[in-house]
Amino acid sequence: MHGSALLAVIHWWCDLTKWRRYAFCLALIAADTVLAFAGKQWFAGWAVGLVLLGCTFLGVGED
């Protein structure tokens, strides 16, 4: 991922409301859980979901 694309994702994340951030994190974790029960392991989904959930809980990116 190029630097400008990564910055675009970070800006997108910061522009979301707190509840949309929580919804996105939980949807990512739920989707990965469904994949795990289907026999497909995608550990990056849990990792990203949990990191973003932690950042949302701590208020990272809020003004």
C-alpha atoms as a PDB file:
ATOM      1  CA  MET A   1       0.000   0.000   0.000  1.00  0.00           C
ATOM      2  CA  HIS A   2       1.433   3.372  -0.984  1.00  0.00           C
ATOM      3  CA  GLY A   3       1.790   6.160   1.550  1.00  0.00           C
ATOM      4  CA  SER A   4      -0.960   8.282   0.019  1.00  0.00           C
ATOM      5  CA  ALA A   5      -3.397   5.349   0.025  1.00  0.00           C
ATOM      6  CA  LEU A   6      -2.606   4.626   3.665  1.00  0.00           C
ATOM      7  CA  LEU A   7      -3.164   8.272   4.576  1.00  0.00           C
ATOM      8  CA  ALA A   8      -6.489   8.196   2.739  1.00  0.00           C
ATOM      9  CA  VAL A   9      -7.586   5.194   4.832  1.00  0.00           C
ATOM     10  CA  ILE A  10      -6.487   6.919   8.052  1.00  0.00           C
ATOM     11  CA  HIS A  11      -8.383  10.094   7.133  1.00  0.00           C
ATOM     12  CA  TRP A  12     -11.448   8.019   6.246  1.00  0.00           C
ATOM     13  CA  TRP A  13     -11.285   6.281   9.623  1.00  0.00           C
ATOM     14  CA  CYS A  14     -10.929   9.562  11.526  1.00  0.00           C
ATOM     15  CA  ASP A  15     -13.935  11.057   9.723  1.00  0.00           C
ATOM     16  CA  LEU A  16     -16.274   8.282  10.874  1.00  0.00           C
ATOM     17  CA  THR A  17     -18.471   8.785  13.906  1.00  0.00           C
ATOM     18  CA  LYS A  18     -17.562   6.808  17.007  1.00  0.00           C
ATOM     19  CA  TRP A  19     -20.536   4.455  16.588  1.00  0.00           C
ATOM     20  CA  ARG A  20     -19.643   3.749  12.955  1.00  0.00           C
ATOM     21  CA  ARG A  21     -16.095   2.910  14.035  1.00  0.00           C
ATOM     22  CA  TYR A  22     -17.455   0.437  16.593  1.00  0.00           C
ATOM     23  CA  ALA A  23     -19.814  -1.039  13.988  1.00  0.00           C
ATOM     24  CA  PHE A  24     -16.992  -1.444  11.462  1.00  0.00           C
ATOM     25  CA  CYS A  25     -14.715  -3.148  14.013  1.00  0.00           C
ATOM     26  CA  LEU A  26     -17.410  -5.509  15.207  1.00  0.00           C
ATOM     27  CA  ALA A  27     -18.461  -6.319  11.628  1.00  0.00           C
ATOM     28  CA  LEU A  28     -14.855  -7.162  10.748  1.00  0.00           C
ATOM     29  CA  ILE A  29     -14.494  -9.410  13.811  1.00  0.00           C
ATOM     30  CA  ALA A  30     -17.874 -11.052  13.125  1.00  0.00           C
ATOM     31  CA  ALA A  31     -17.004 -11.698   9.470  1.00  0.00           C
ATOM     32  CA  ASP A  32     -13.716 -13.294  10.491  1.00  0.00           C
ATOM     33  CA  THR A  33     -15.504 -15.448  13.064  1.00  0.00           C
ATOM     34  CA  VAL A  34     -17.895 -16.683  10.369  1.00  0.00           C
ATOM     35  CA  LEU A  35     -14.907 -17.470   8.140  1.00  0.00           C
ATOM     36  CA  ALA A  36     -13.261 -19.358  11.021  1.00  0.00           C
ATOM     37  CA  PHE A  37     -16.358 -21.521  11.498  1.00  0.00           C
ATOM     38  CA  ALA A  38     -16.378 -22.139   7.732  1.00  0.00           C
ATOM     39  CA  GLY A  39     -12.842 -23.508   7.958  1.00  0.00           C
ATOM     40  CA  LYS A  40     -11.056 -20.464   6.529  1.00  0.00           C
ATOM     41  CA  GLN A  41      -8.574 -18.877   8.896  1.00  0.00           C
ATOM     42  CA  TRP A  42      -7.915 -15.171   8.424  1.00  0.00           C
ATOM     43  CA  PHE A  43      -6.109 -14.068  11.567  1.00  0.00           C
ATOM     44  CA  ALA A  44      -5.389 -10.618  10.132  1.00  0.00           C
ATOM     45  CA  GLY A  45      -9.114  -9.834  10.340  1.00  0.00           C
ATOM     46  CA  TRP A  46      -9.187 -10.445  14.073  1.00  0.00           C
ATOM     47  CA  ALA A  47      -5.941  -8.546  14.563  1.00  0.00           C
ATOM     48  CA  VAL A  48      -7.069  -5.503  12.577  1.00  0.00           C
ATOM     49  CA  GLY A  49     -10.526  -5.573  14.134  1.00  0.00           C
ATOM     50  CA  LEU A  50      -9.173  -5.743  17.672  1.00  0.00           C
ATOM     51  CA  VAL A  51      -6.562  -3.023  17.096  1.00  0.00           C
ATOM     52  CA  LEU A  52      -9.149  -0.701  15.563  1.00  0.00           C
ATOM     53  CA  LEU A  53     -11.590  -1.525  18.358  1.00  0.00           C
ATOM     54  CA  GLY A  54      -8.932  -0.645  20.918  1.00  0.00           C
ATOM     55  CA  CYS A  55      -8.126   2.607  19.124  1.00  0.00           C
ATOM     56  CA  THR A  56     -11.816   3.479  18.994  1.00  0.00           C
ATOM     57  CA  PHE A  57     -12.249   2.697  22.688  1.00  0.00           C
ATOM     58  CA  LEU A  58      -9.251   4.862  23.599  1.00  0.00           C
ATOM     59  CA  GLY A  59     -10.454   7.719  21.374  1.00  0.00           C
ATOM     60  CA  VAL A  60      -7.540   7.727  18.926  1.00  0.00           C
ATOM     61  CA  GLY A  61      -8.220  10.137  16.067  1.00  0.00           C
ATOM     62  CA  GLU A  62     -10.844  12.172  17.881  1.00  0.00           C
ATOM     63  CA  ASP A  63     -10.536  15.922  18.167  1.00  0.00           C
END
